[in-house]
Amino acid sequence: MKTRKSILKRFKITKTGKILHRPIGQDHFRAKKSGKKIRQTRKLVKLSKADSRKIRKLLH
């Protein structure tokens, strides 16, 4: 099965096997969000176990 390139661009796999992704709400409508909220969304977030199984299947 081929790797889905769209999935590959959106997610990052760590050395230990965790799948990270960008938090939602970063692209637009940022003026109404607080500075704290904007700063928190800069970091990558770990994906839930159920979702990571699905994503892992699409990556390999």
PDB file of N, CA and C in Angstrom:
ATOM      1  N   MET A   1       0.837  -1.177   0.000  1.00  0.00           N
ATOM      2  CA  MET A   1       0.000   0.000   0.000  1.00  0.00           C
ATOM      3  C   MET A   1       0.885   1.245   0.000  1.00  0.00           C
ATOM      4  N   LYS A   2       0.564   2.215  -0.837  1.00  0.00           N
ATOM      5  CA  LYS A   2       1.358   3.435  -0.916  1.00  0.00           C
ATOM      6  C   LYS A   2       1.069   4.353   0.261  1.00  0.00           C
ATOM      7  N   THR A   3       2.070   5.155   0.632  1.00  0.00           N
ATOM      8  CA  THR A   3       1.896   6.155   1.680  1.00  0.00           C
ATOM      9  C   THR A   3       1.068   7.305   1.134  1.00  0.00           C
ATOM     10  N   ARG A   4       0.105   7.755   1.927  1.00  0.00           N
ATOM     11  CA  ARG A   4      -0.688   8.915   1.537  1.00  0.00           C
ATOM     12  C   ARG A   4       0.135  10.161   1.820  1.00  0.00           C
ATOM     13  N   LYS A   5       0.516  10.889   0.789  1.00  0.00           N
ATOM     14  CA  LYS A   5       1.407  12.038   0.937  1.00  0.00           C
ATOM     15  C   LYS A   5       0.752  13.180   1.709  1.00  0.00           C
ATOM     16  N   SER A   6      -0.571  13.333   1.583  1.00  0.00           N
ATOM     17  CA  SER A   6      -1.266  14.391   2.323  1.00  0.00           C
ATOM     18  C   SER A   6      -1.179  14.133   3.827  1.00  0.00           C
ATOM     19  N   ILE A   7      -1.257  12.870   4.221  1.00  0.00           N
ATOM     20  CA  ILE A   7      -1.145  12.500   5.632  1.00  0.00           C
ATOM     21  C   ILE A   7       0.294  12.706   6.111  1.00  0.00           C
ATOM     22  N   LEU A   8       1.244  12.348   5.284  1.00  0.00           N
ATOM     23  CA  LEU A   8       2.652  12.471   5.631  1.00  0.00           C
ATOM     24  C   LEU A   8       3.036  13.920   5.939  1.00  0.00           C
ATOM     25  N   LYS A   9       2.433  14.875   5.200  1.00  0.00           N
ATOM     26  CA  LYS A   9       2.737  16.293   5.399  1.00  0.00           C
ATOM     27  C   LYS A   9       2.112  16.856   6.681  1.00  0.00           C
ATOM     28  N   ARG A  10       1.009  16.271   7.116  1.00  0.00           N
ATOM     29  CA  ARG A  10       0.280  16.829   8.260  1.00  0.00           C
ATOM     30  C   ARG A  10       0.696  16.256   9.608  1.00  0.00           C
ATOM     31  N   PHE A  11       1.340  15.102   9.610  1.00  0.00           N
ATOM     32  CA  PHE A  11       1.689  14.440  10.863  1.00  0.00           C
ATOM     33  C   PHE A  11       3.173  14.156  10.926  1.00  0.00           C
ATOM     34  N   LYS A  12       3.684  14.025  12.167  1.00  0.00           N
ATOM     35  CA  LYS A  12       5.094  13.722  12.383  1.00  0.00           C
ATOM     36  C   LYS A  12       5.163  12.551  13.357  1.00  0.00           C
ATOM     37  N   ILE A  13       6.001  11.571  13.038  1.00  0.00           N
ATOM     38  CA  ILE A  13       6.178  10.424  13.925  1.00  0.00           C
ATOM     39  C   ILE A  13       7.491  10.601  14.681  1.00  0.00           C
ATOM     40  N   THR A  14       7.426  10.464  16.011  1.00  0.00           N
ATOM     41  CA  THR A  14       8.620  10.603  16.830  1.00  0.00           C
ATOM     42  C   THR A  14       9.406   9.296  16.815  1.00  0.00           C
ATOM     43  N   LYS A  15      10.579   9.322  17.396  1.00  0.00           N
ATOM     44  CA  LYS A  15      11.426   8.130  17.453  1.00  0.00           C
ATOM     45  C   LYS A  15      10.769   7.008  18.252  1.00  0.00           C
ATOM     46  N   THR A  16      10.008   7.389  19.283  1.00  0.00           N
ATOM     47  CA  THR A  16       9.346   6.386  20.119  1.00  0.00           C
ATOM     48  C   THR A  16       8.034   5.897  19.520  1.00  0.00           C
ATOM     49  N   GLY A  17       7.595   6.517  18.424  1.00  0.00           N
ATOM     50  CA  GLY A  17       6.393   6.036  17.743  1.00  0.00           C
ATOM     51  C   GLY A  17       5.144   6.862  17.975  1.00  0.00           C
ATOM     52  N   LYS A  18       5.261   7.957  18.729  1.00  0.00           N
ATOM     53  CA  LYS A  18       4.092   8.821  18.930  1.00  0.00           C
ATOM     54  C   LYS A  18       3.826   9.611  17.659  1.00  0.00           C
ATOM     55  N   ILE A  19       2.551   9.929  17.416  1.00  0.00           N
ATOM     56  CA  ILE A  19       2.195  10.724  16.243  1.00  0.00           C
ATOM     57  C   ILE A  19       1.776  12.111  16.716  1.00  0.00           C
ATOM     58  N   LEU A  20       2.425  13.137  16.158  1.00  0.00           N
ATOM     59  CA  LEU A  20       2.173  14.523  16.533  1.00  0.00           C
ATOM     60  C   LEU A  20       1.488  15.253  15.389  1.00  0.00           C
ATOM     61  N   HIS A  21       0.689  16.261  15.748  1.00  0.00           N
ATOM     62  CA  HIS A  21       0.023  17.081  14.738  1.00  0.00           C
ATOM     63  C   HIS A  21      -0.115  18.511  15.238  1.00  0.00           C
ATOM     64  N   ARG A  22      -0.408  19.431  14.325  1.00  0.00           N
ATOM     65  CA  ARG A  22      -0.629  20.828  14.697  1.00  0.00           C
ATOM     66  C   ARG A  22      -2.012  20.983  15.317  1.00  0.00           C
ATOM     67  N   PRO A  23      -2.134  21.789  16.369  1.00  0.00           N
ATOM     68  CA  PRO A  23      -3.453  22.032  16.934  1.00  0.00           C
ATOM     69  C   PRO A  23      -4.343  22.809  15.963  1.00  0.00           C
ATOM     70  N   ILE A  24      -5.651  22.681  16.126  1.00  0.00           N
ATOM     71  CA  ILE A  24      -6.586  23.365  15.240  1.00  0.00           C
ATOM     72  C   ILE A  24      -6.657  24.851  15.592  1.00  0.00           C
ATOM     73  N   GLY A  25      -7.165  25.641  14.660  1.00  0.00           N
ATOM     74  CA  GLY A  25      -7.423  27.055  14.908  1.00  0.00           C
ATOM     75  C   GLY A  25      -6.218  27.951  14.794  1.00  0.00           C
ATOM     76  N   GLN A  26      -5.292  27.659  13.902  1.00  0.00           N
ATOM     77  CA  GLN A  26      -4.097  28.488  13.769  1.00  0.00           C
ATOM     78  C   GLN A  26      -4.111  29.358  12.520  1.00  0.00           C
ATOM     79  N   ASP A  27      -4.928  29.060  11.562  1.00  0.00           N
ATOM     80  CA  ASP A  27      -4.803  29.686  10.255  1.00  0.00           C
ATOM     81  C   ASP A  27      -5.484  31.050  10.128  1.00  0.00           C
ATOM     82  N   HIS A  28      -6.698  31.172  10.637  1.00  0.00           N
ATOM     83  CA  HIS A  28      -7.378  32.463  10.536  1.00  0.00           C
ATOM     84  C   HIS A  28      -8.299  32.652  11.735  1.00  0.00           C
ATOM     85  N   PHE A  29      -8.902  33.834  11.844  1.00  0.00           N
ATOM     86  CA  PHE A  29      -9.721  34.249  13.002  1.00  0.00           C
ATOM     87  C   PHE A  29      -8.896  34.248  14.290  1.00  0.00           C
ATOM     88  N   ARG A  30      -7.648  34.715  14.180  1.00  0.00           N
ATOM     89  CA  ARG A  30      -6.779  34.718  15.354  1.00  0.00           C
ATOM     90  C   ARG A  30      -6.942  35.988  16.189  1.00  0.00           C
ATOM     91  N   ALA A  31      -7.530  37.019  15.631  1.00  0.00           N
ATOM     92  CA  ALA A  31      -7.658  38.291  16.351  1.00  0.00           C
ATOM     93  C   ALA A  31      -8.554  38.152  17.567  1.00  0.00           C
ATOM     94  N   LYS A  32      -9.542  37.289  17.485  1.00  0.00           N
ATOM     95  CA  LYS A  32     -10.470  37.126  18.609  1.00  0.00           C
ATOM     96  C   LYS A  32      -9.937  36.195  19.695  1.00  0.00           C
ATOM     97  N   LYS A  33      -8.833  35.499  19.418  1.00  0.00           N
ATOM     98  CA  LYS A  33      -8.257  34.591  20.407  1.00  0.00           C
ATOM     99  C   LYS A  33      -7.249  35.336  21.271  1.00  0.00           C
ATOM    100  N   SER A  34      -7.109  34.885  22.511  1.00  0.00           N
ATOM    101  CA  SER A  34      -6.168  35.529  23.423  1.00  0.00           C
ATOM    102  C   SER A  34      -4.741  35.141  23.037  1.00  0.00           C
ATOM    103  N   GLY A  35      -3.794  35.946  23.506  1.00  0.00           N
ATOM    104  CA  GLY A  35      -2.387  35.673  23.219  1.00  0.00           C
ATOM    105  C   GLY A  35      -1.952  34.334  23.782  1.00  0.00           C
ATOM    106  N   LYS A  36      -2.486  33.998  24.937  1.00  0.00           N
ATOM    107  CA  LYS A  36      -2.151  32.715  25.573  1.00  0.00           C
ATOM    108  C   LYS A  36      -2.569  31.555  24.687  1.00  0.00           C
ATOM    109  N   LYS A  37      -3.768  31.655  24.142  1.00  0.00           N
ATOM    110  CA  LYS A  37      -4.300  30.595  23.281  1.00  0.00           C
ATOM    111  C   LYS A  37      -3.465  30.439  22.011  1.00  0.00           C
ATOM    112  N   ILE A  38      -3.056  31.567  21.432  1.00  0.00           N
ATOM    113  CA  ILE A  38      -2.240  31.541  20.212  1.00  0.00           C
ATOM    114  C   ILE A  38      -0.878  30.910  20.499  1.00  0.00           C
ATOM    115  N   ARG A  39      -0.274  31.250  21.647  1.00  0.00           N
ATOM    116  CA  ARG A  39       1.022  30.675  22.016  1.00  0.00           C
ATOM    117  C   ARG A  39       0.924  29.167  22.245  1.00  0.00           C
ATOM    118  N   GLN A  40      -0.179  28.735  22.845  1.00  0.00           N
ATOM    119  CA  GLN A  40      -0.364  27.308  23.118  1.00  0.00           C
ATOM    120  C   GLN A  40      -0.491  26.489  21.841  1.00  0.00           C
ATOM    121  N   THR A  41      -1.021  27.094  20.778  1.00  0.00           N
ATOM    122  CA  THR A  41      -1.225  26.340  19.544  1.00  0.00           C
ATOM    123  C   THR A  41       0.033  26.223  18.695  1.00  0.00           C
ATOM    124  N   ARG A  42       1.144  26.833  19.113  1.00  0.00           N
ATOM    125  CA  ARG A  42       2.388  26.724  18.345  1.00  0.00           C
ATOM    126  C   ARG A  42       3.023  25.346  18.494  1.00  0.00           C
ATOM    127  N   LYS A  43       2.827  24.713  19.628  1.00  0.00           N
ATOM    128  CA  LYS A  43       3.459  23.421  19.891  1.00  0.00           C
ATOM    129  C   LYS A  43       2.681  22.289  19.229  1.00  0.00           C
ATOM    130  N   LEU A  44       3.397  21.232  18.875  1.00  0.00           N
ATOM    131  CA  LEU A  44       2.748  20.044  18.330  1.00  0.00           C
ATOM    132  C   LEU A  44       2.071  19.273  19.461  1.00  0.00           C
ATOM    133  N   VAL A  45       0.965  18.604  19.128  1.00  0.00           N
ATOM    134  CA  VAL A  45       0.165  17.894  20.114  1.00  0.00           C
ATOM    135  C   VAL A  45       0.137  16.419  19.763  1.00  0.00           C
ATOM    136  N   LYS A  46       0.139  15.575  20.797  1.00  0.00           N
ATOM    137  CA  LYS A  46       0.089  14.135  20.577  1.00  0.00           C
ATOM    138  C   LYS A  46      -1.320  13.720  20.159  1.00  0.00           C
ATOM    139  N   LEU A  47      -1.394  12.811  19.221  1.00  0.00           N
ATOM    140  CA  LEU A  47      -2.671  12.306  18.719  1.00  0.00           C
ATOM    141  C   LEU A  47      -3.202  11.230  19.662  1.00  0.00           C
ATOM    142  N   SER A  48      -4.524  11.095  19.758  1.00  0.00           N
ATOM    143  CA  SER A  48      -5.108  10.074  20.629  1.00  0.00           C
ATOM    144  C   SER A  48      -4.802   8.680  20.086  1.00  0.00           C
ATOM    145  N   LYS A  49      -4.926   7.659  20.940  1.00  0.00           N
ATOM    146  CA  LYS A  49      -4.587   6.295  20.538  1.00  0.00           C
ATOM    147  C   LYS A  49      -5.461   5.806  19.388  1.00  0.00           C
ATOM    148  N   ALA A  50      -6.757   6.073  19.478  1.00  0.00           N
ATOM    149  CA  ALA A  50      -7.684   5.603  18.449  1.00  0.00           C
ATOM    150  C   ALA A  50      -7.366   6.224  17.092  1.00  0.00           C
ATOM    151  N   ASP A  51      -7.103   7.526  17.090  1.00  0.00           N
ATOM    152  CA  ASP A  51      -6.786   8.214  15.840  1.00  0.00           C
ATOM    153  C   ASP A  51      -5.412   7.809  15.311  1.00  0.00           C
ATOM    154  N   SER A  52      -4.469   7.584  16.223  1.00  0.00           N
ATOM    155  CA  SER A  52      -3.117   7.251  15.778  1.00  0.00           C
ATOM    156  C   SER A  52      -3.078   5.909  15.064  1.00  0.00           C
ATOM    157  N   ARG A  53      -3.948   4.972  15.451  1.00  0.00           N
ATOM    158  CA  ARG A  53      -4.023   3.685  14.749  1.00  0.00           C
ATOM    159  C   ARG A  53      -4.445   3.885  13.305  1.00  0.00           C
ATOM    160  N   LYS A  54      -5.442   4.746  13.101  1.00  0.00           N
ATOM    161  CA  LYS A  54      -5.942   5.017  11.745  1.00  0.00           C
ATOM    162  C   LYS A  54      -4.867   5.694  10.890  1.00  0.00           C
ATOM    163  N   ILE A  55      -4.192   6.685  11.464  1.00  0.00           N
ATOM    164  CA  ILE A  55      -3.172   7.439  10.737  1.00  0.00           C
ATOM    165  C   ILE A  55      -1.976   6.543  10.408  1.00  0.00           C
ATOM    166  N   ARG A  56      -1.588   5.708  11.353  1.00  0.00           N
ATOM    167  CA  ARG A  56      -0.454   4.810  11.148  1.00  0.00           C
ATOM    168  C   ARG A  56      -0.723   3.860   9.976  1.00  0.00           C
ATOM    169  N   LYS A  57      -1.972   3.434   9.849  1.00  0.00           N
ATOM    170  CA  LYS A  57      -2.370   2.548   8.755  1.00  0.00           C
ATOM    171  C   LYS A  57      -2.216   3.258   7.400  1.00  0.00           C
ATOM    172  N   LEU A  58      -2.540   4.545   7.357  1.00  0.00           N
ATOM    173  CA  LEU A  58      -2.428   5.310   6.119  1.00  0.00           C
ATOM    174  C   LEU A  58      -0.982   5.671   5.765  1.00  0.00           C
ATOM    175  N   LEU A  59      -0.123   5.700   6.782  1.00  0.00           N
ATOM    176  CA  LEU A  59       1.273   6.055   6.550  1.00  0.00           C
ATOM    177  C   LEU A  59       2.117   4.875   6.077  1.00  0.00           C
ATOM    178  N   HIS A  60       1.707   3.656   6.417  1.00  0.00           N
ATOM    179  CA  HIS A  60       2.519   2.485   6.033  1.00  0.00           C
ATOM    180  C   HIS A  60       1.774   1.597   5.068  1.00  0.00           C
TER     181      HIS A  60
END
